């Protein structure tokens, strides 16, 4: 299983499940955070995690070059 790191504190992220947020006809829902930090409690969408990972990868490649 792939471990994901929190962009804020680098701790492990866990899957966030929100059962109480059911779609309601006629109401636009905000994206539900897909990940939650097990230490700092911040919540992130999958896209935020991807963007953070891409930035870290780019920074690591820049240091090697």
PDB file of N, CA and C in Angstrom:
ATOM      1  N   UNK A   1       0.837  -1.181   0.000  1.00  0.00           N
ATOM      2  CA  UNK A   1       0.000   0.000   0.000  1.00  0.00           C
ATOM      3  C   UNK A   1       0.884   1.247   0.000  1.00  0.00           C
ATOM      4  N   UNK A   2       0.509   2.205  -0.807  1.00  0.00           N
ATOM      5  CA  UNK A   2       1.271   3.444  -0.908  1.00  0.00           C
ATOM      6  C   UNK A   2       0.960   4.316   0.298  1.00  0.00           C
ATOM      7  N   UNK A   3       2.008   4.814   0.949  1.00  0.00           N
ATOM      8  CA  UNK A   3       1.803   5.747   2.049  1.00  0.00           C
ATOM      9  C   UNK A   3       1.891   7.163   1.499  1.00  0.00           C
ATOM     10  N   UNK A   4       0.990   7.986   1.930  1.00  0.00           N
ATOM     11  CA  UNK A   4       0.976   9.384   1.507  1.00  0.00           C
ATOM     12  C   UNK A   4       1.350  10.248   2.691  1.00  0.00           C
ATOM     13  N   UNK A   5       2.126  11.299   2.394  1.00  0.00           N
ATOM     14  CA  UNK A   5       2.595  12.192   3.449  1.00  0.00           C
ATOM     15  C   UNK A   5       1.829  13.496   3.434  1.00  0.00           C
ATOM     16  N   UNK A   6       1.604  14.029   4.614  1.00  0.00           N
ATOM     17  CA  UNK A   6       0.928  15.306   4.777  1.00  0.00           C
ATOM     18  C   UNK A   6       1.815  16.421   4.225  1.00  0.00           C
ATOM     19  N   UNK A   7       1.278  17.283   3.352  1.00  0.00           N
ATOM     20  CA  UNK A   7       2.056  18.408   2.833  1.00  0.00           C
ATOM     21  C   UNK A   7       2.447  19.414   3.923  1.00  0.00           C
ATOM     22  N   UNK A   8       1.721  19.437   5.035  1.00  0.00           N
ATOM     23  CA  UNK A   8       1.983  20.386   6.112  1.00  0.00           C
ATOM     24  C   UNK A   8       3.047  19.893   7.085  1.00  0.00           C
ATOM     25  N   UNK A   9       2.904  18.648   7.576  1.00  0.00           N
ATOM     26  CA  UNK A   9       3.810  18.183   8.633  1.00  0.00           C
ATOM     27  C   UNK A   9       4.557  16.895   8.286  1.00  0.00           C
ATOM     28  N   UNK A  10       4.360  16.358   7.088  1.00  0.00           N
ATOM     29  CA  UNK A  10       5.020  15.150   6.595  1.00  0.00           C
ATOM     30  C   UNK A  10       4.655  13.876   7.354  1.00  0.00           C
ATOM     31  N   UNK A  11       3.568  13.899   8.111  1.00  0.00           N
ATOM     32  CA  UNK A  11       3.094  12.692   8.790  1.00  0.00           C
ATOM     33  C   UNK A  11       2.246  11.871   7.822  1.00  0.00           C
ATOM     34  N   UNK A  12       1.818  10.707   8.271  1.00  0.00           N
ATOM     35  CA  UNK A  12       1.037   9.817   7.420  1.00  0.00           C
ATOM     36  C   UNK A  12      -0.396  10.314   7.252  1.00  0.00           C
ATOM     37  N   UNK A  13      -0.912  10.199   6.021  1.00  0.00           N
ATOM     38  CA  UNK A  13      -2.292  10.546   5.741  1.00  0.00           C
ATOM     39  C   UNK A  13      -3.146   9.284   5.762  1.00  0.00           C
ATOM     40  N   UNK A  14      -4.384   9.431   6.222  1.00  0.00           N
ATOM     41  CA  UNK A  14      -5.339   8.332   6.217  1.00  0.00           C
ATOM     42  C   UNK A  14      -6.549   8.746   5.395  1.00  0.00           C
ATOM     43  N   UNK A  15      -7.280   7.775   4.876  1.00  0.00           N
ATOM     44  CA  UNK A  15      -8.452   8.046   4.069  1.00  0.00           C
ATOM     45  C   UNK A  15      -9.537   8.679   4.930  1.00  0.00           C
ATOM     46  N   UNK A  16     -10.122   9.767   4.470  1.00  0.00           N
ATOM     47  CA  UNK A  16     -11.206  10.448   5.190  1.00  0.00           C
ATOM     48  C   UNK A  16     -12.529  10.026   4.567  1.00  0.00           C
ATOM     49  N   UNK A  17     -13.442   9.593   5.390  1.00  0.00           N
ATOM     50  CA  UNK A  17     -14.756   9.199   4.900  1.00  0.00           C
ATOM     51  C   UNK A  17     -15.805  10.048   5.593  1.00  0.00           C
ATOM     52  N   UNK A  18     -16.661  10.647   4.797  1.00  0.00           N
ATOM     53  CA  UNK A  18     -17.697  11.531   5.340  1.00  0.00           C
ATOM     54  C   UNK A  18     -19.065  10.983   4.939  1.00  0.00           C
ATOM     55  N   UNK A  19     -19.648  10.173   5.757  1.00  0.00           N
ATOM     56  CA  UNK A  19     -20.942   9.574   5.456  1.00  0.00           C
ATOM     57  C   UNK A  19     -22.053  10.618   5.504  1.00  0.00           C
ATOM     58  N   UNK A  20     -21.925  11.613   6.389  1.00  0.00           N
ATOM     59  CA  UNK A  20     -22.997  12.598   6.555  1.00  0.00           C
ATOM     60  C   UNK A  20     -23.139  13.533   5.357  1.00  0.00           C
ATOM     61  N   UNK A  21     -22.209  13.540   4.423  1.00  0.00           N
ATOM     62  CA  UNK A  21     -22.278  14.435   3.272  1.00  0.00           C
ATOM     63  C   UNK A  21     -22.844  13.698   2.066  1.00  0.00           C
ATOM     64  N   UNK A  22     -24.145  13.501   2.051  1.00  0.00           N
ATOM     65  CA  UNK A  22     -24.822  12.853   0.937  1.00  0.00           C
ATOM     66  C   UNK A  22     -25.249  13.919  -0.069  1.00  0.00           C
ATOM     67  N   UNK A  23     -25.184  13.604  -1.362  1.00  0.00           N
ATOM     68  CA  UNK A  23     -25.610  14.590  -2.363  1.00  0.00           C
ATOM     69  C   UNK A  23     -27.090  14.929  -2.220  1.00  0.00           C
ATOM     70  N   UNK A  24     -27.392  16.217  -2.329  1.00  0.00           N
ATOM     71  CA  UNK A  24     -28.761  16.701  -2.238  1.00  0.00           C
ATOM     72  C   UNK A  24     -29.119  17.294  -3.593  1.00  0.00           C
ATOM     73  N   UNK A  25     -30.226  16.852  -4.198  1.00  0.00           N
ATOM     74  CA  UNK A  25     -30.612  17.389  -5.506  1.00  0.00           C
ATOM     75  C   UNK A  25     -30.757  18.916  -5.462  1.00  0.00           C
ATOM     76  N   UNK A  26     -30.141  19.586  -6.439  1.00  0.00           N
ATOM     77  CA  UNK A  26     -30.253  21.034  -6.541  1.00  0.00           C
ATOM     78  C   UNK A  26     -29.235  21.820  -5.745  1.00  0.00           C
ATOM     79  N   UNK A  27     -28.409  21.156  -4.945  1.00  0.00           N
ATOM     80  CA  UNK A  27     -27.399  21.847  -4.142  1.00  0.00           C
ATOM     81  C   UNK A  27     -26.008  21.407  -4.624  1.00  0.00           C
ATOM     82  N   UNK A  28     -25.180  22.387  -4.948  1.00  0.00           N
ATOM     83  CA  UNK A  28     -23.822  22.092  -5.382  1.00  0.00           C
ATOM     84  C   UNK A  28     -22.964  21.763  -4.168  1.00  0.00           C
ATOM     85  N   UNK A  29     -22.324  20.612  -4.215  1.00  0.00           N
ATOM     86  CA  UNK A  29     -21.476  20.172  -3.107  1.00  0.00           C
ATOM     87  C   UNK A  29     -20.027  20.573  -3.370  1.00  0.00           C
ATOM     88  N   UNK A  30     -19.334  20.945  -2.317  1.00  0.00           N
ATOM     89  CA  UNK A  30     -17.904  21.195  -2.411  1.00  0.00           C
ATOM     90  C   UNK A  30     -17.179  19.863  -2.441  1.00  0.00           C
ATOM     91  N   UNK A  31     -15.963  19.805  -3.012  1.00  0.00           N
ATOM     92  CA  UNK A  31     -15.227  18.548  -3.013  1.00  0.00           C
ATOM     93  C   UNK A  31     -14.968  18.074  -1.585  1.00  0.00           C
ATOM     94  N   UNK A  32     -15.232  16.818  -1.352  1.00  0.00           N
ATOM     95  CA  UNK A  32     -15.017  16.240  -0.029  1.00  0.00           C
ATOM     96  C   UNK A  32     -13.541  15.880   0.104  1.00  0.00           C
ATOM     97  N   UNK A  33     -12.904  16.306   1.194  1.00  0.00           N
ATOM     98  CA  UNK A  33     -11.506  15.912   1.370  1.00  0.00           C
ATOM     99  C   UNK A  33     -11.383  14.402   1.359  1.00  0.00           C
ATOM    100  N   UNK A  34     -10.407  13.903   0.625  1.00  0.00           N
ATOM    101  CA  UNK A  34     -10.226  12.466   0.522  1.00  0.00           C
ATOM    102  C   UNK A  34      -9.201  11.931   1.496  1.00  0.00           C
ATOM    103  N   UNK A  35      -8.395  12.810   2.084  1.00  0.00           N
ATOM    104  CA  UNK A  35      -7.320  12.395   2.972  1.00  0.00           C
ATOM    105  C   UNK A  35      -7.260  13.292   4.193  1.00  0.00           C
ATOM    106  N   UNK A  36      -6.895  12.712   5.329  1.00  0.00           N
ATOM    107  CA  UNK A  36      -6.769  13.457   6.579  1.00  0.00           C
ATOM    108  C   UNK A  36      -5.449  13.071   7.233  1.00  0.00           C
ATOM    109  N   UNK A  37      -4.753  14.064   7.786  1.00  0.00           N
ATOM    110  CA  UNK A  37      -3.484  13.811   8.466  1.00  0.00           C
ATOM    111  C   UNK A  37      -3.762  13.192   9.832  1.00  0.00           C
ATOM    112  N   UNK A  38      -3.025  12.140  10.149  1.00  0.00           N
ATOM    113  CA  UNK A  38      -3.224  11.454  11.423  1.00  0.00           C
ATOM    114  C   UNK A  38      -2.615  12.219  12.594  1.00  0.00           C
ATOM    115  N   UNK A  39      -1.812  13.263  12.318  1.00  0.00           N
ATOM    116  CA  UNK A  39      -1.173  14.027  13.390  1.00  0.00           C
ATOM    117  C   UNK A  39      -1.773  15.428  13.515  1.00  0.00           C
ATOM    118  N   UNK A  40      -1.720  16.230  12.443  1.00  0.00           N
ATOM    119  CA  UNK A  40      -2.177  17.624  12.547  1.00  0.00           C
ATOM    120  C   UNK A  40      -3.660  17.801  12.248  1.00  0.00           C
ATOM    121  N   UNK A  41      -4.316  16.785  11.656  1.00  0.00           N
ATOM    122  CA  UNK A  41      -5.751  16.847  11.414  1.00  0.00           C
ATOM    123  C   UNK A  41      -6.175  17.590  10.159  1.00  0.00           C
ATOM    124  N   UNK A  42      -5.236  18.125   9.399  1.00  0.00           N
ATOM    125  CA  UNK A  42      -5.578  18.830   8.159  1.00  0.00           C
ATOM    126  C   UNK A  42      -6.220  17.850   7.189  1.00  0.00           C
ATOM    127  N   UNK A  43      -7.137  18.347   6.348  1.00  0.00           N
ATOM    128  CA  UNK A  43      -7.784  17.520   5.350  1.00  0.00           C
ATOM    129  C   UNK A  43      -7.378  17.997   3.958  1.00  0.00           C
ATOM    130  N   UNK A  44      -7.204  17.039   3.046  1.00  0.00           N
ATOM    131  CA  UNK A  44      -6.730  17.335   1.696  1.00  0.00           C
ATOM    132  C   UNK A  44      -7.536  16.551   0.678  1.00  0.00           C
ATOM    133  N   UNK A  45      -7.725  17.154  -0.495  1.00  0.00           N
ATOM    134  CA  UNK A  45      -8.331  16.424  -1.603  1.00  0.00           C
ATOM    135  C   UNK A  45      -7.224  15.627  -2.281  1.00  0.00           C
ATOM    136  N   UNK A  46      -7.620  14.671  -3.080  1.00  0.00           N
ATOM    137  CA  UNK A  46      -6.646  13.862  -3.806  1.00  0.00           C
ATOM    138  C   UNK A  46      -5.794  14.743  -4.714  1.00  0.00           C
ATOM    139  N   UNK A  47      -6.409  15.741  -5.330  1.00  0.00           N
ATOM    140  CA  UNK A  47      -5.673  16.643  -6.228  1.00  0.00           C
ATOM    141  C   UNK A  47      -4.614  17.445  -5.466  1.00  0.00           C
ATOM    142  N   UNK A  48      -4.907  17.883  -4.253  1.00  0.00           N
ATOM    143  CA  UNK A  48      -3.914  18.606  -3.455  1.00  0.00           C
ATOM    144  C   UNK A  48      -2.720  17.710  -3.140  1.00  0.00           C
ATOM    145  N   UNK A  49      -2.967  16.451  -2.860  1.00  0.00           N
ATOM    146  CA  UNK A  49      -1.885  15.512  -2.559  1.00  0.00           C
ATOM    147  C   UNK A  49      -1.032  15.296  -3.799  1.00  0.00           C
ATOM    148  N   UNK A  50      -1.678  15.152  -4.958  1.00  0.00           N
ATOM    149  CA  UNK A  50      -0.928  14.975  -6.212  1.00  0.00           C
ATOM    150  C   UNK A  50      -0.048  16.186  -6.495  1.00  0.00           C
ATOM    151  N   UNK A  51      -0.612  17.403  -6.352  1.00  0.00           N
ATOM    152  CA  UNK A  51       0.156  18.628  -6.608  1.00  0.00           C
ATOM    153  C   UNK A  51       1.359  18.721  -5.672  1.00  0.00           C
ATOM    154  N   UNK A  52       1.166  18.385  -4.412  1.00  0.00           N
ATOM    155  CA  UNK A  52       2.246  18.428  -3.432  1.00  0.00           C
ATOM    156  C   UNK A  52       3.346  17.437  -3.790  1.00  0.00           C
ATOM    157  N   UNK A  53       2.946  16.233  -4.207  1.00  0.00           N
ATOM    158  CA  UNK A  53       3.920  15.206  -4.572  1.00  0.00           C
ATOM    159  C   UNK A  53       4.707  15.627  -5.817  1.00  0.00           C
ATOM    160  N   UNK A  54       4.021  16.221  -6.787  1.00  0.00           N
ATOM    161  CA  UNK A  54       4.703  16.685  -8.003  1.00  0.00           C
ATOM    162  C   UNK A  54       5.727  17.769  -7.673  1.00  0.00           C
ATOM    163  N   UNK A  55       5.381  18.669  -6.768  1.00  0.00           N
ATOM    164  CA  UNK A  55       6.302  19.742  -6.384  1.00  0.00           C
ATOM    165  C   UNK A  55       7.536  19.173  -5.682  1.00  0.00           C
ATOM    166  N   UNK A  56       7.340  18.193  -4.795  1.00  0.00           N
ATOM    167  CA  UNK A  56       8.475  17.577  -4.100  1.00  0.00           C
ATOM    168  C   UNK A  56       9.384  16.837  -5.080  1.00  0.00           C
ATOM    169  N   UNK A  57       8.777  16.129  -6.048  1.00  0.00           N
ATOM    170  CA  UNK A  57       9.552  15.394  -7.050  1.00  0.00           C
ATOM    171  C   UNK A  57      10.368  16.356  -7.908  1.00  0.00           C
ATOM    172  N   UNK A  58       9.772  17.463  -8.317  1.00  0.00           N
ATOM    173  CA  UNK A  58      10.465  18.463  -9.132  1.00  0.00           C
ATOM    174  C   UNK A  58      11.625  19.076  -8.358  1.00  0.00           C
ATOM    175  N   UNK A  59      11.415  19.352  -7.075  1.00  0.00           N
ATOM    176  CA  UNK A  59      12.471  19.935  -6.238  1.00  0.00           C
ATOM    177  C   UNK A  59      13.631  18.948  -6.081  1.00  0.00           C
ATOM    178  N   UNK A  60      13.327  17.677  -5.914  1.00  0.00           N
ATOM    179  CA  UNK A  60      14.376  16.661  -5.779  1.00  0.00           C
ATOM    180  C   UNK A  60      15.182  16.529  -7.061  1.00  0.00           C
ATOM    181  N   UNK A  61      14.513  16.585  -8.203  1.00  0.00           N
ATOM    182  CA  UNK A  61      15.213  16.500  -9.497  1.00  0.00           C
ATOM    183  C   UNK A  61      16.098  17.718  -9.710  1.00  0.00           C
ATOM    184  N   UNK A  62      15.638  18.891  -9.284  1.00  0.00           N
ATOM    185  CA  UNK A  62      16.423  20.118  -9.440  1.00  0.00           C
ATOM    186  C   UNK A  62      17.697  20.061  -8.612  1.00  0.00           C
ATOM    187  N   UNK A  63      17.622  19.441  -7.425  1.00  0.00           N
ATOM    188  CA  UNK A  63      18.814  19.326  -6.579  1.00  0.00           C
ATOM    189  C   UNK A  63      19.847  18.390  -7.184  1.00  0.00           C
ATOM    190  N   UNK A  64      19.388  17.331  -7.857  1.00  0.00           N
ATOM    191  CA  UNK A  64      20.287  16.348  -8.463  1.00  0.00           C
ATOM    192  C   UNK A  64      20.997  16.932  -9.679  1.00  0.00           C
ATOM    193  N   UNK A  65      20.310  17.764 -10.419  1.00  0.00           N
ATOM    194  CA  UNK A  65      20.879  18.339 -11.658  1.00  0.00           C
ATOM    195  C   UNK A  65      21.984  19.305 -11.400  1.00  0.00           C
TER     196      UNK A  65
END
